[in-house]
Amino acid sequence: MSASLAVGETSHASKPALPVGVGPLRVGTRASPLALIQTRHFLQILSGFCPVLKGMGVFIEHQITTTGDAVQDRRLADIGGKGLFAKEIHEALAEGRIDFAVHSLKDLETNLPPEIVLACTLPREDARDVLIPSPRCQVPNPGDPLSALPRGAVVGTCSVRRQSQLLAARPDLRIVMLRGNVQTRLAKLREGQFDATILALAGLRRLGMDIPGALILEPEVMVPSAAQGIVGVTVRTADSELRQLLGAIEDPEARAISTAERALLAALDGSCRTPIGAYAHMAPDGLRLTALLAREDGSYKLTRSTFGPPADAEQIGHELGMQLRAEAPPDLF
């Protein structure tokens, strides 16, 4: 399924006239409402940045249904992992059917195919998770959002990272698998299938959703997923011209923090069955990285933090990942 998308101009201080070909550029994206919003926002930035693209006036949008989107009745870990949100998009890129692809970076595997490279990262939206309780839940105690959930409450989520942290704090909770896009999950919550669910704040903000009663979970309560809230753009490794263009508009801070978080993930080499969290941010002493490693049932949770110069982001992530690996029980891997 494809459609033409006209994009408008945005303001940037520098507008290099880089030659990128004579025809419209073809962009690949998942077909979910959130993925389309993220893709179209990126195209607005790109067209405003480069007069050549503005002159074309149009991109060709290819909406690609991935295996991760098509199979909704099983956990990602049971069907091959979160890389299934990108597999078909990678294939379209490698085969030349699209020129670049826009992703939620948290859904992109740490080791990309050799013919594909992450060329651009956009500024991070809020990385935190949000607890959305049903109206029948109680008002939480100040500073303790999880106290809103009654004893034995049913929480819908498919994330082992969220599940492990919920159960570590509240072993009485019952976790039930819940997959689907944001709208689907909220609809099931309204229908009374669950007492609460947890979503990424970044997705809600990009969708323009302000949900009454939603409770923000600070990273100290719920360590986010690596690269949560960051949009990444992939291209073919050999396409140096497009890589140069995209590299010129990326956000250096998002690149540094996502590099640290993804390096930690790679060092742990965990599967989708291993609860892992990573959250990096810029602090007065440099890039600060917090990591989580846990058991799915919440019976074990290890968190560690470190910091260093942003230029050493990959090393920071790798070393903290190796520290957690050394301290954790071998069965976690």
Protein backbone atom coordinates (compact mmCIF):
# COMPACT_ATOMS: atom_id res chain seq x y z
CA MET A 1 0.00 0.00 0.00
CA SER A 2 1.46 3.37 -0.93
CA ALA A 3 0.36 6.95 -1.21
CA SER A 4 1.82 10.31 -2.23
CA LEU A 5 2.35 12.78 0.58
CA ALA A 6 2.92 16.48 0.07
CA VAL A 7 5.00 18.03 2.82
CA GLY A 8 5.38 21.60 3.94
CA GLU A 9 8.38 23.73 4.82
CA THR A 10 9.87 24.12 8.26
CA SER A 11 12.44 26.64 9.38
CA HIS A 12 16.13 25.71 9.71
CA ALA A 13 19.15 27.95 9.90
CA SER A 14 21.16 25.97 7.36
CA LYS A 15 19.68 24.68 4.10
CA PRO A 16 22.32 22.87 2.03
CA ALA A 17 21.38 22.27 -1.59
CA LEU A 18 22.52 18.67 -1.75
CA PRO A 19 21.76 16.78 -4.98
CA VAL A 20 19.77 13.66 -4.15
CA GLY A 21 18.46 12.54 -7.52
CA VAL A 22 15.76 13.63 -9.90
CA GLY A 23 12.67 11.86 -8.61
CA PRO A 24 10.65 11.78 -5.37
CA LEU A 25 12.22 9.90 -2.50
CA ARG A 26 10.47 6.75 -1.32
CA VAL A 27 10.08 6.40 2.46
CA GLY A 28 9.18 3.19 4.25
CA THR A 29 7.15 3.13 7.44
CA ARG A 30 4.90 0.91 9.48
CA ALA A 31 1.22 1.63 8.94
CA SER A 32 0.22 2.34 12.55
CA PRO A 33 -1.17 5.81 13.35
CA LEU A 34 1.86 6.62 15.51
CA ALA A 35 4.37 5.45 12.88
CA LEU A 36 2.67 7.59 10.22
CA ILE A 37 2.70 10.69 12.43
CA GLN A 38 6.40 10.19 13.16
CA THR A 39 7.21 9.65 9.49
CA ARG A 40 5.29 12.67 8.25
CA HIS A 41 6.84 14.89 10.91
CA PHE A 42 10.28 13.77 9.80
CA LEU A 43 9.45 14.48 6.15
CA GLN A 44 8.42 18.00 7.07
CA ILE A 45 11.79 18.55 8.73
CA LEU A 46 13.65 17.05 5.80
CA SER A 47 11.82 19.02 3.11
CA GLY A 48 12.30 22.27 5.02
CA PHE A 49 16.01 21.58 5.44
CA CYS A 50 16.93 20.81 1.83
CA PRO A 51 15.73 23.09 -1.03
CA VAL A 52 16.24 20.29 -3.55
CA LEU A 53 13.63 18.18 -1.79
CA LYS A 54 11.38 21.17 -1.34
CA GLY A 55 11.54 21.68 -5.08
CA MET A 56 10.37 18.11 -5.65
CA GLY A 57 7.42 18.87 -3.39
CA VAL A 58 6.52 15.23 -2.78
CA PHE A 59 7.67 11.98 -1.22
CA ILE A 60 6.27 8.56 -1.96
CA GLU A 61 5.14 6.92 1.28
CA HIS A 62 5.21 3.13 1.44
CA GLN A 63 3.20 1.75 4.36
CA ILE A 64 4.63 -1.67 5.17
CA THR A 65 2.91 -4.27 7.34
CA THR A 66 5.57 -6.03 9.38
CA THR A 67 5.36 -9.46 10.99
CA GLY A 68 5.30 -7.74 14.38
CA ASP A 69 2.17 -5.85 13.31
CA ALA A 70 0.46 -8.83 11.68
CA VAL A 71 0.81 -11.28 14.59
CA GLN A 72 -0.96 -9.87 17.63
CA ASP A 73 -1.93 -12.98 19.61
CA ARG A 74 1.55 -13.92 20.84
CA ARG A 75 4.41 -12.22 22.65
CA LEU A 76 7.18 -10.88 20.43
CA ALA A 77 9.62 -13.17 22.22
CA ASP A 78 7.62 -16.16 20.99
CA ILE A 79 7.71 -15.16 17.33
CA GLY A 80 11.25 -13.86 16.92
CA GLY A 81 11.72 -10.67 18.93
CA LYS A 82 11.14 -6.96 18.42
CA GLY A 83 13.24 -6.99 15.24
CA LEU A 84 10.06 -8.24 13.57
CA PHE A 85 8.86 -4.63 13.53
CA ALA A 86 11.60 -3.88 10.99
CA LYS A 87 12.30 -7.11 9.05
CA GLU A 88 10.08 -6.36 6.05
CA ILE A 89 11.17 -2.72 6.05
CA HIS A 90 14.84 -3.79 5.95
CA GLU A 91 14.03 -6.05 3.00
CA ALA A 92 12.33 -3.24 1.09
CA LEU A 93 15.33 -0.98 1.72
CA ALA A 94 17.95 -3.57 0.75
CA GLU A 95 16.03 -4.47 -2.43
CA GLY A 96 15.77 -0.81 -3.50
CA ARG A 97 11.99 -0.54 -3.21
CA ILE A 98 12.38 2.38 -0.77
CA ASP A 99 15.16 4.94 -0.28
CA PHE A 100 15.03 5.29 3.51
CA ALA A 101 12.86 4.21 6.44
CA VAL A 102 11.58 5.87 9.60
CA HIS A 103 11.42 3.84 12.84
CA SER A 104 10.74 4.10 16.53
CA LEU A 105 14.34 3.46 17.49
CA LYS A 106 13.37 1.29 20.47
CA ASP A 107 11.92 -1.22 17.98
CA LEU A 108 15.12 -1.42 15.94
CA GLU A 109 17.51 -4.28 16.71
CA THR A 110 20.99 -3.31 17.90
CA ASN A 111 22.77 -5.21 15.11
CA LEU A 112 21.48 -4.02 11.74
CA PRO A 113 22.09 -5.91 8.49
CA PRO A 114 25.48 -4.86 7.05
CA GLU A 115 23.86 -3.20 4.04
CA ILE A 116 21.76 -0.90 6.26
CA VAL A 117 22.88 1.89 8.60
CA LEU A 118 21.23 4.20 11.12
CA ALA A 119 21.80 7.54 9.42
CA CYS A 120 19.80 9.94 11.56
CA THR A 121 18.29 10.33 15.04
CA LEU A 122 15.73 13.01 15.88
CA PRO A 123 15.46 14.86 19.22
CA ARG A 124 14.13 12.64 21.98
CA GLU A 125 10.55 13.07 23.14
CA ASP A 126 9.90 12.30 26.82
CA ALA A 127 11.33 8.81 27.47
CA ARG A 128 9.16 7.99 30.50
CA ASP A 129 6.37 5.43 30.74
CA VAL A 130 2.84 6.27 31.83
CA LEU A 131 0.52 4.18 34.00
CA ILE A 132 -3.07 4.46 32.81
CA PRO A 133 -5.47 3.09 35.44
CA SER A 134 -9.15 2.49 34.79
CA PRO A 135 -11.61 4.92 36.44
CA ARG A 136 -12.40 2.29 39.10
CA CYS A 137 -8.85 2.49 40.49
CA GLN A 138 -8.19 4.64 43.52
CA VAL A 139 -6.34 7.94 43.72
CA PRO A 140 -2.62 7.22 44.25
CA ASN A 141 -0.65 8.33 47.26
CA PRO A 142 1.54 11.35 46.43
CA GLY A 143 4.85 10.19 45.00
CA ASP A 144 3.69 6.58 44.58
CA PRO A 145 1.74 6.16 41.33
CA LEU A 146 1.59 2.36 41.67
CA SER A 147 -0.50 2.77 44.82
CA ALA A 148 -3.42 3.63 42.53
CA LEU A 149 -3.74 -0.05 41.69
CA PRO A 150 -5.85 -2.11 44.09
CA ARG A 151 -4.49 -5.36 45.46
CA GLY A 152 -4.53 -8.08 42.79
CA ALA A 153 -5.16 -5.59 39.97
CA VAL A 154 -4.87 -6.89 36.41
CA VAL A 155 -2.37 -4.95 34.28
CA GLY A 156 -2.26 -5.44 30.52
CA THR A 157 1.19 -5.29 28.89
CA CYS A 158 3.34 -7.37 26.56
CA SER A 159 6.62 -5.88 27.82
CA VAL A 160 8.71 -8.11 30.08
CA ARG A 161 10.65 -4.97 31.08
CA ARG A 162 7.48 -3.35 32.42
CA GLN A 163 6.20 -6.60 33.88
CA SER A 164 9.37 -7.29 35.87
CA GLN A 165 9.46 -3.81 37.38
CA LEU A 166 5.76 -3.87 38.24
CA LEU A 167 6.06 -7.24 39.99
CA ALA A 168 9.25 -6.23 41.81
CA ALA A 169 7.33 -3.32 43.35
CA ARG A 170 3.92 -5.00 43.58
CA PRO A 171 4.10 -8.84 43.63
CA ASP A 172 0.33 -8.98 44.13
CA LEU A 173 -0.41 -7.67 40.63
CA ARG A 174 -1.56 -9.97 37.82
CA ILE A 175 0.01 -9.35 34.42
CA VAL A 176 -1.92 -10.28 31.27
CA MET A 177 -0.59 -10.03 27.71
CA LEU A 178 -1.81 -6.98 25.83
CA ARG A 179 -0.55 -6.16 22.34
CA GLY A 180 -1.67 -3.77 19.62
CA ASN A 181 -1.31 -0.09 18.89
CA VAL A 182 -2.08 2.65 21.40
CA GLN A 183 -5.71 3.00 20.33
CA THR A 184 -6.30 -0.76 20.62
CA ARG A 185 -4.83 -0.95 24.12
CA LEU A 186 -6.83 2.01 25.37
CA ALA A 187 -10.03 0.56 23.89
CA LYS A 188 -9.51 -2.72 25.76
CA LEU A 189 -8.89 -0.79 28.96
CA ARG A 190 -12.15 1.14 28.49
CA GLU A 191 -13.97 -2.15 27.89
CA GLY A 192 -12.90 -3.31 31.34
CA GLN A 193 -10.57 -6.10 30.23
CA PHE A 194 -7.84 -4.73 32.51
CA ASP A 195 -7.47 -2.51 35.56
CA ALA A 196 -4.54 -0.63 34.02
CA THR A 197 -1.99 -0.57 31.25
CA ILE A 198 1.36 1.13 30.69
CA LEU A 199 2.25 3.12 27.56
CA ALA A 200 5.15 5.27 26.42
CA LEU A 201 4.56 8.96 27.11
CA ALA A 202 6.32 9.85 23.85
CA GLY A 203 3.72 8.00 21.79
CA LEU A 204 0.80 9.64 23.57
CA ARG A 205 2.28 13.09 23.06
CA ARG A 206 2.94 12.52 19.37
CA LEU A 207 -0.63 11.29 18.95
CA GLY A 208 -1.90 14.41 20.74
CA MET A 209 -3.52 12.32 23.49
CA ASP A 210 -4.06 13.80 26.94
CA ILE A 211 -5.54 11.01 29.05
CA PRO A 212 -7.23 12.03 32.32
CA GLY A 213 -5.85 10.11 35.27
CA ALA A 214 -2.63 9.05 33.51
CA LEU A 215 0.29 8.80 35.93
CA ILE A 216 3.88 9.43 34.81
CA LEU A 217 6.38 6.84 36.03
CA GLU A 218 9.76 8.39 36.73
CA PRO A 219 12.85 6.42 35.59
CA GLU A 220 13.53 5.61 39.25
CA VAL A 221 10.21 3.74 39.32
CA MET A 222 10.18 2.33 35.78
CA VAL A 223 13.45 2.34 33.80
CA PRO A 224 12.46 2.99 30.16
CA SER A 225 13.30 0.88 27.14
CA ALA A 226 16.56 1.65 25.34
CA ALA A 227 16.03 4.50 22.84
CA GLN A 228 12.41 5.03 23.88
CA GLY A 229 11.07 8.31 22.51
CA ILE A 230 13.68 8.60 19.73
CA VAL A 231 12.91 8.37 16.01
CA GLY A 232 15.64 6.86 13.85
CA VAL A 233 16.07 6.80 10.08
CA THR A 234 17.83 4.00 8.20
CA VAL A 235 19.31 4.03 4.70
CA ARG A 236 21.43 1.74 2.58
CA THR A 237 25.05 1.76 3.71
CA ALA A 238 26.23 2.40 0.15
CA ASP A 239 23.97 5.45 -0.34
CA SER A 240 26.58 7.98 0.78
CA GLU A 241 24.74 11.00 -0.64
CA LEU A 242 21.56 10.39 1.31
CA ARG A 243 23.55 9.42 4.40
CA GLN A 244 25.30 12.80 4.23
CA LEU A 245 22.01 14.66 3.97
CA LEU A 246 20.36 12.81 6.83
CA GLY A 247 23.44 13.04 9.02
CA ALA A 248 23.36 16.82 8.70
CA ILE A 249 19.92 17.09 10.34
CA GLU A 250 20.25 14.60 13.16
CA ASP A 251 20.25 15.61 16.81
CA PRO A 252 23.71 15.07 18.41
CA GLU A 253 22.28 14.58 21.89
CA ALA A 254 19.83 11.93 20.68
CA ARG A 255 22.68 10.20 18.87
CA ALA A 256 24.84 10.12 22.01
CA ILE A 257 22.18 8.89 24.42
CA SER A 258 20.80 6.30 22.00
CA THR A 259 24.34 5.09 21.26
CA ALA A 260 24.96 4.54 24.98
CA GLU A 261 21.64 2.79 25.53
CA ARG A 262 21.94 0.56 22.47
CA ALA A 263 25.58 -0.31 23.31
CA LEU A 264 24.42 -1.47 26.74
CA LEU A 265 21.72 -3.59 25.12
CA ALA A 266 24.26 -5.12 22.75
CA ALA A 267 26.70 -5.89 25.60
CA LEU A 268 24.00 -7.71 27.56
CA ASP A 269 22.92 -9.56 24.41
CA GLY A 270 19.59 -10.23 26.04
CA SER A 271 16.62 -11.72 24.25
CA CYS A 272 13.10 -10.33 24.30
CA ARG A 273 12.59 -12.66 27.27
CA THR A 274 15.22 -10.78 29.30
CA PRO A 275 13.89 -7.63 31.01
CA ILE A 276 16.39 -4.88 30.22
CA GLY A 277 15.99 -1.14 30.63
CA ALA A 278 18.33 1.71 29.73
CA TYR A 279 17.99 5.43 30.23
CA ALA A 280 20.66 7.98 29.37
CA HIS A 281 20.45 11.74 29.71
CA MET A 282 22.76 14.74 29.76
CA ALA A 283 23.73 15.82 33.27
CA PRO A 284 26.22 18.41 34.64
CA ASP A 285 28.86 15.69 34.95
CA GLY A 286 28.34 14.42 31.39
CA LEU A 287 26.26 11.64 29.93
CA ARG A 288 24.60 9.67 32.74
CA LEU A 289 23.33 6.16 32.01
CA THR A 290 21.08 4.03 34.22
CA ALA A 291 20.51 0.37 33.42
CA LEU A 292 18.14 -2.34 34.61
CA LEU A 293 18.45 -6.12 34.40
CA ALA A 294 15.74 -8.28 35.94
CA ARG A 295 13.82 -11.54 36.01
CA GLU A 296 10.44 -11.57 34.29
CA ASP A 297 8.65 -12.49 37.52
CA GLY A 298 10.19 -9.56 39.42
CA SER A 299 12.08 -11.82 41.85
CA TYR A 300 15.42 -10.27 40.85
CA LYS A 301 16.16 -6.68 39.85
CA LEU A 302 19.58 -5.12 39.37
CA THR A 303 20.07 -1.42 38.59
CA ARG A 304 23.35 0.39 38.10
CA SER A 305 24.36 3.85 36.88
CA THR A 306 27.48 5.45 35.46
CA PHE A 307 28.54 8.61 33.65
CA GLY A 308 31.17 9.94 31.29
CA PRO A 309 31.83 12.26 28.33
CA PRO A 310 29.17 12.12 25.60
CA ALA A 311 31.95 11.40 23.08
CA ASP A 312 32.49 8.08 24.88
CA ALA A 313 28.81 7.07 24.69
CA GLU A 314 29.41 3.67 23.11
CA GLN A 315 32.13 2.78 25.62
CA ILE A 316 29.97 3.94 28.53
CA GLY A 317 27.11 1.72 27.43
CA HIS A 318 29.31 -1.28 26.70
CA GLU A 319 31.15 -1.11 30.04
CA LEU A 320 27.96 -0.76 32.09
CA GLY A 321 26.42 -3.64 30.19
CA MET A 322 29.43 -5.83 30.92
CA GLN A 323 29.28 -4.82 34.60
CA LEU A 324 25.65 -5.95 34.83
CA ARG A 325 26.47 -9.16 32.99
CA ALA A 326 29.23 -9.91 35.49
CA GLU A 327 27.02 -9.24 38.52
CA ALA A 328 23.84 -10.97 37.36
CA PRO A 329 22.98 -14.67 37.73
CA PRO A 330 23.95 -16.61 34.57
CA ASP A 331 20.41 -17.94 34.07
CA LEU A 332 19.22 -14.47 33.07
CA PHE A 333 20.99 -14.98 29.75
